[in-house]
Amino acid sequence: MLTARDEDDLLTALYSGAFEQPLWNTFLNRLRARMGARYAGILFRPPDRPANSPVELFSGTRAPPSLNRMYREELYKTDPFLDFQLREGRVYSMSDLLIEGNPTHDTFLNEVLAPSGIRYMRLVRVSEPSGISTWMSISRDREDFSASDSALFSRLAEHFRIALRSYIALEREKMRASIADDMMRRLAFGWISLDSRGCVVETTGQAQRLLKYGQGLRVARNGRLVATDPQTERKLSAAMKAIASAPGE
């Protein structure tokens, strides 16, 4: 259950985390503190990266550097989590994921999880419509998580799904804008946005370079777009007045 304090502390950090560097850093710190966890993390496994090199965002204590190196070199081959088709949105515990007596699972537990201080864990897969999935996890080394901890973790996963979708959409728009800017630069094309007074509000990079180094147009001290040639300036002023007087057209 999300309390009013959780909403203030956790949800605000979760939704603003897409604008942080590292991503979701404040949220993970607060999640770890709220859960009394030793570790809180978000794991991405992009399809273009090797299985032993996931993208990890975390707060708290990770595995020792020597163990991380061993995992990347060899131990990842025994990682049973790589084979799990986790149901999206379901919170899993350690007993749900590892079968006691299974040699592969026992090896991973004894050689990776236990030395990393992971005795109790909750894990949930979160995906968004484009198919990108992440894994959120929290772990402790002493006392297991309660049913209310799992319920809170499940609710946070629902909100993280929305935040992740917004983040992916934002990154796509930034990529489109970057491609568009590159095309306009190659074509020596740009645009300038003006307000009703003829002041420059926004420009593309190409247009900004034109205003800075070009000969025909410039930005006056009051922010207005002006032409250096008097005749062109009269035409420009008349055009801006005509547009400003008919804003609905």
Protein backbone atom coordinates (compact mmCIF):
# COMPACT_ATOMS: atom_id res chain seq x y z
CA MET A 1 0.00 0.00 0.00
CA LEU A 2 1.26 3.46 -0.88
CA THR A 3 1.00 5.89 2.03
CA ALA A 4 0.94 9.66 1.60
CA ARG A 5 4.60 9.74 2.61
CA ASP A 6 5.44 7.04 0.05
CA GLU A 7 3.76 9.10 -2.64
CA ASP A 8 5.80 12.15 -1.69
CA ASP A 9 9.11 10.33 -1.27
CA LEU A 10 8.97 7.47 -3.76
CA LEU A 11 6.59 8.43 -6.56
CA THR A 12 7.99 11.92 -7.06
CA ALA A 13 11.50 10.46 -7.28
CA LEU A 14 10.31 7.69 -9.59
CA TYR A 15 8.68 10.03 -12.12
CA SER A 16 11.51 12.56 -12.05
CA GLY A 17 14.15 9.83 -12.28
CA ALA A 18 14.11 9.84 -16.08
CA PHE A 19 15.71 13.30 -15.96
CA GLU A 20 18.47 12.36 -13.52
CA GLN A 21 22.03 11.19 -14.10
CA PRO A 22 22.44 8.42 -13.12
CA LEU A 23 18.88 7.53 -14.05
CA TRP A 24 16.46 6.96 -11.13
CA ASN A 25 19.25 7.45 -8.62
CA THR A 26 17.13 9.24 -5.99
CA PHE A 27 14.31 6.73 -6.36
CA LEU A 28 16.63 3.76 -5.82
CA ASN A 29 18.19 5.38 -2.75
CA ARG A 30 14.76 6.05 -1.26
CA LEU A 31 13.43 2.61 -2.21
CA ARG A 32 16.37 0.92 -0.49
CA ALA A 33 15.84 3.01 2.66
CA ARG A 34 12.07 2.46 2.68
CA MET A 35 12.45 -1.33 2.30
CA GLY A 36 15.37 -1.64 4.71
CA ALA A 37 17.20 -3.32 1.86
CA ARG A 38 20.90 -3.89 1.37
CA TYR A 39 20.54 -3.36 -2.36
CA ALA A 40 17.95 -1.90 -4.76
CA GLY A 41 18.47 -2.02 -8.49
CA ILE A 42 17.04 -1.73 -11.99
CA LEU A 43 18.55 -4.02 -14.60
CA PHE A 44 18.33 -3.59 -18.37
CA ARG A 45 19.38 -6.36 -20.76
CA PRO A 46 19.43 -4.68 -24.20
CA PRO A 47 19.34 -7.19 -27.06
CA ASP A 48 22.54 -5.75 -28.54
CA ARG A 49 24.59 -6.39 -25.39
CA PRO A 50 26.15 -9.71 -24.27
CA ALA A 51 24.33 -11.65 -21.56
CA ASN A 52 27.19 -11.00 -19.13
CA SER A 53 27.07 -7.20 -19.58
CA PRO A 54 23.65 -5.87 -18.49
CA VAL A 55 23.04 -2.19 -17.77
CA GLU A 56 22.67 -1.86 -14.01
CA LEU A 57 21.33 1.07 -12.01
CA PHE A 58 21.64 0.50 -8.27
CA SER A 59 21.78 1.81 -4.74
CA GLY A 60 23.54 0.04 -1.90
CA THR A 61 26.08 -2.75 -1.75
CA ARG A 62 26.88 -4.72 -4.89
CA ALA A 63 28.86 -7.91 -5.22
CA PRO A 64 32.61 -7.53 -4.58
CA PRO A 65 34.59 -6.38 -7.66
CA SER A 66 36.39 -9.73 -7.90
CA LEU A 67 33.05 -11.56 -7.96
CA ASN A 68 31.66 -9.17 -10.60
CA ARG A 69 34.69 -9.92 -12.73
CA MET A 70 34.21 -13.67 -12.27
CA TYR A 71 30.53 -13.32 -13.16
CA ARG A 72 31.33 -11.52 -16.42
CA GLU A 73 34.00 -14.06 -17.32
CA GLU A 74 32.40 -17.37 -16.34
CA LEU A 75 29.70 -17.45 -13.63
CA TYR A 76 27.01 -15.81 -15.81
CA LYS A 77 26.78 -19.16 -17.62
CA THR A 78 25.21 -20.65 -14.47
CA ASP A 79 22.80 -17.70 -13.94
CA PRO A 80 19.33 -19.27 -13.88
CA PHE A 81 17.70 -15.84 -14.01
CA LEU A 82 18.74 -15.51 -17.65
CA ASP A 83 16.46 -18.41 -18.55
CA PHE A 84 13.40 -17.33 -16.59
CA GLN A 85 10.40 -16.09 -18.54
CA LEU A 86 9.11 -14.01 -15.65
CA ARG A 87 5.49 -12.99 -15.83
CA GLU A 88 5.36 -9.25 -16.28
CA GLY A 89 4.29 -7.41 -13.13
CA ARG A 90 4.46 -10.39 -10.75
CA VAL A 91 6.71 -10.04 -7.71
CA TYR A 92 8.94 -13.10 -7.26
CA SER A 93 10.81 -14.21 -4.15
CA MET A 94 14.00 -16.25 -4.00
CA SER A 95 12.08 -19.48 -3.38
CA ASP A 96 10.00 -18.82 -6.51
CA LEU A 97 13.14 -18.56 -8.65
CA LEU A 98 15.60 -21.11 -7.26
CA ILE A 99 14.78 -24.80 -6.91
CA GLU A 100 16.50 -26.37 -3.90
CA GLY A 101 18.58 -29.34 -4.94
CA ASN A 102 18.97 -28.17 -8.54
CA PRO A 103 22.77 -28.29 -9.14
CA THR A 104 22.84 -25.18 -11.35
CA HIS A 105 20.68 -23.19 -8.94
CA ASP A 106 22.69 -24.34 -5.92
CA THR A 107 25.94 -23.33 -7.63
CA PHE A 108 24.63 -19.88 -8.44
CA LEU A 109 23.26 -19.43 -4.92
CA ASN A 110 26.52 -20.49 -3.23
CA GLU A 111 29.00 -18.84 -5.62
CA VAL A 112 27.19 -15.62 -6.60
CA LEU A 113 24.20 -14.72 -4.42
CA ALA A 114 25.46 -15.69 -0.95
CA PRO A 115 28.89 -13.97 -1.33
CA SER A 116 27.02 -10.87 -2.56
CA GLY A 117 24.94 -10.73 0.61
CA ILE A 118 21.73 -11.71 -1.20
CA ARG A 119 19.81 -14.05 1.08
CA TYR A 120 16.32 -12.64 0.57
CA MET A 121 15.14 -10.98 -2.62
CA ARG A 122 12.11 -9.62 -4.44
CA LEU A 123 12.22 -9.34 -8.23
CA VAL A 124 9.69 -8.01 -10.76
CA ARG A 125 9.86 -7.66 -14.53
CA VAL A 126 8.52 -4.38 -15.90
CA SER A 127 7.97 -3.88 -19.61
CA GLU A 128 6.47 -1.17 -21.81
CA PRO A 129 4.55 -1.46 -25.13
CA SER A 130 7.62 -1.30 -27.38
CA GLY A 131 8.83 -4.57 -25.83
CA ILE A 132 11.66 -3.15 -23.70
CA SER A 133 11.87 -4.96 -20.36
CA THR A 134 13.64 -4.16 -17.11
CA TRP A 135 14.03 -6.05 -13.85
CA MET A 136 13.57 -4.26 -10.52
CA SER A 137 15.00 -5.99 -7.47
CA ILE A 138 15.57 -5.46 -3.77
CA SER A 139 17.58 -7.73 -1.47
CA ARG A 140 18.52 -8.25 2.17
CA ASP A 141 21.04 -10.43 3.96
CA ARG A 142 19.24 -10.93 7.29
CA GLU A 143 15.42 -10.80 7.42
CA ASP A 144 12.94 -11.69 4.68
CA PHE A 145 10.59 -9.08 3.21
CA SER A 146 7.01 -8.99 4.49
CA ALA A 147 3.79 -9.33 2.53
CA SER A 148 3.26 -5.58 2.81
CA ASP A 149 6.77 -4.98 1.42
CA SER A 150 5.90 -7.14 -1.59
CA ALA A 151 2.58 -5.33 -2.07
CA LEU A 152 4.32 -1.94 -2.01
CA PHE A 153 6.97 -3.21 -4.45
CA SER A 154 4.21 -4.41 -6.79
CA ARG A 155 2.48 -1.00 -6.75
CA LEU A 156 5.77 0.78 -7.42
CA ALA A 157 6.36 -1.52 -10.40
CA GLU A 158 3.05 -0.34 -11.90
CA HIS A 159 4.15 3.27 -11.61
CA PHE A 160 7.62 2.47 -12.92
CA ARG A 161 6.03 0.99 -16.05
CA ILE A 162 4.46 4.40 -16.78
CA ALA A 163 7.71 6.23 -16.03
CA LEU A 164 9.64 3.83 -18.26
CA ARG A 165 7.19 4.37 -21.12
CA SER A 166 7.59 8.14 -20.79
CA TYR A 167 11.37 7.80 -20.72
CA ILE A 168 11.43 5.64 -23.87
CA ALA A 169 9.13 8.09 -25.69
CA LEU A 170 11.33 11.01 -24.63
CA GLU A 171 14.48 9.28 -25.88
CA ARG A 172 12.84 8.53 -29.22
CA GLU A 173 11.82 12.17 -29.66
CA LYS A 174 15.36 13.29 -28.84
CA MET A 175 16.69 10.87 -31.44
CA ARG A 176 14.21 12.12 -34.06
CA ALA A 177 15.12 15.71 -33.24
CA SER A 178 18.83 14.89 -33.56
CA ILE A 179 18.28 13.24 -36.95
CA ALA A 180 16.12 16.13 -38.14
CA ASP A 181 18.70 18.68 -37.01
CA ASP A 182 21.42 16.76 -38.83
CA MET A 183 19.36 16.71 -42.03
CA MET A 184 18.61 20.42 -41.81
CA ARG A 185 22.29 21.14 -41.24
CA ARG A 186 23.23 19.10 -44.30
CA LEU A 187 20.63 20.91 -46.38
CA ALA A 188 21.57 24.31 -44.92
CA PHE A 189 17.95 24.64 -43.78
CA GLY A 190 16.56 25.95 -40.51
CA TRP A 191 13.67 27.74 -38.85
CA ILE A 192 13.13 30.62 -36.44
CA SER A 193 10.19 30.88 -34.06
CA LEU A 194 8.96 34.40 -33.18
CA ASP A 195 6.45 35.78 -30.69
CA SER A 196 3.79 38.38 -31.52
CA ARG A 197 6.33 41.23 -31.04
CA GLY A 198 8.76 39.70 -33.50
CA CYS A 199 11.18 38.56 -30.78
CA VAL A 200 13.10 35.34 -31.34
CA VAL A 201 11.76 32.53 -29.14
CA GLU A 202 13.48 29.46 -30.55
CA THR A 203 15.74 28.52 -33.46
CA THR A 204 17.32 25.43 -34.96
CA GLY A 205 21.09 25.16 -34.79
CA GLN A 206 21.43 26.02 -38.47
CA ALA A 207 19.27 29.15 -38.13
CA GLN A 208 21.21 30.21 -35.04
CA ARG A 209 24.45 30.01 -36.97
CA LEU A 210 22.84 32.05 -39.76
CA LEU A 211 21.85 34.78 -37.29
CA LYS A 212 25.30 34.80 -35.73
CA TYR A 213 27.46 34.72 -38.85
CA GLY A 214 25.12 35.63 -41.71
CA GLN A 215 24.72 39.00 -43.37
CA GLY A 216 20.95 39.34 -43.92
CA LEU A 217 19.28 38.83 -40.52
CA ARG A 218 20.26 39.43 -36.92
CA VAL A 219 18.76 39.63 -33.43
CA ALA A 220 18.55 43.15 -31.99
CA ARG A 221 19.30 43.96 -28.35
CA ASN A 222 15.60 43.87 -27.51
CA GLY A 223 15.38 40.35 -28.94
CA ARG A 224 13.56 41.27 -32.16
CA LEU A 225 14.46 39.74 -35.49
CA VAL A 226 15.64 42.48 -37.84
CA ALA A 227 17.06 42.65 -41.33
CA THR A 228 20.25 44.56 -42.11
CA ASP A 229 18.88 45.84 -45.43
CA PRO A 230 16.34 48.71 -44.85
CA GLN A 231 13.97 47.60 -47.63
CA THR A 232 14.00 44.01 -46.39
CA GLU A 233 13.47 45.26 -42.83
CA ARG A 234 10.32 47.16 -43.89
CA LYS A 235 8.95 44.05 -45.60
CA LEU A 236 9.82 41.88 -42.60
CA SER A 237 8.13 44.28 -40.14
CA ALA A 238 5.02 44.49 -42.30
CA ALA A 239 4.81 40.71 -42.58
CA MET A 240 5.16 40.23 -38.81
CA LYS A 241 2.49 42.87 -38.13
CA ALA A 242 0.13 41.19 -40.58
CA ILE A 243 0.64 37.78 -38.96
CA ALA A 244 0.27 39.18 -35.44
CA SER A 245 -3.01 40.91 -36.36
CA ALA A 246 -4.52 37.66 -37.62
CA PRO A 247 -3.41 35.01 -35.13
CA GLY A 248 -6.28 32.65 -35.90
CA GLU A 249 -5.37 32.22 -39.54
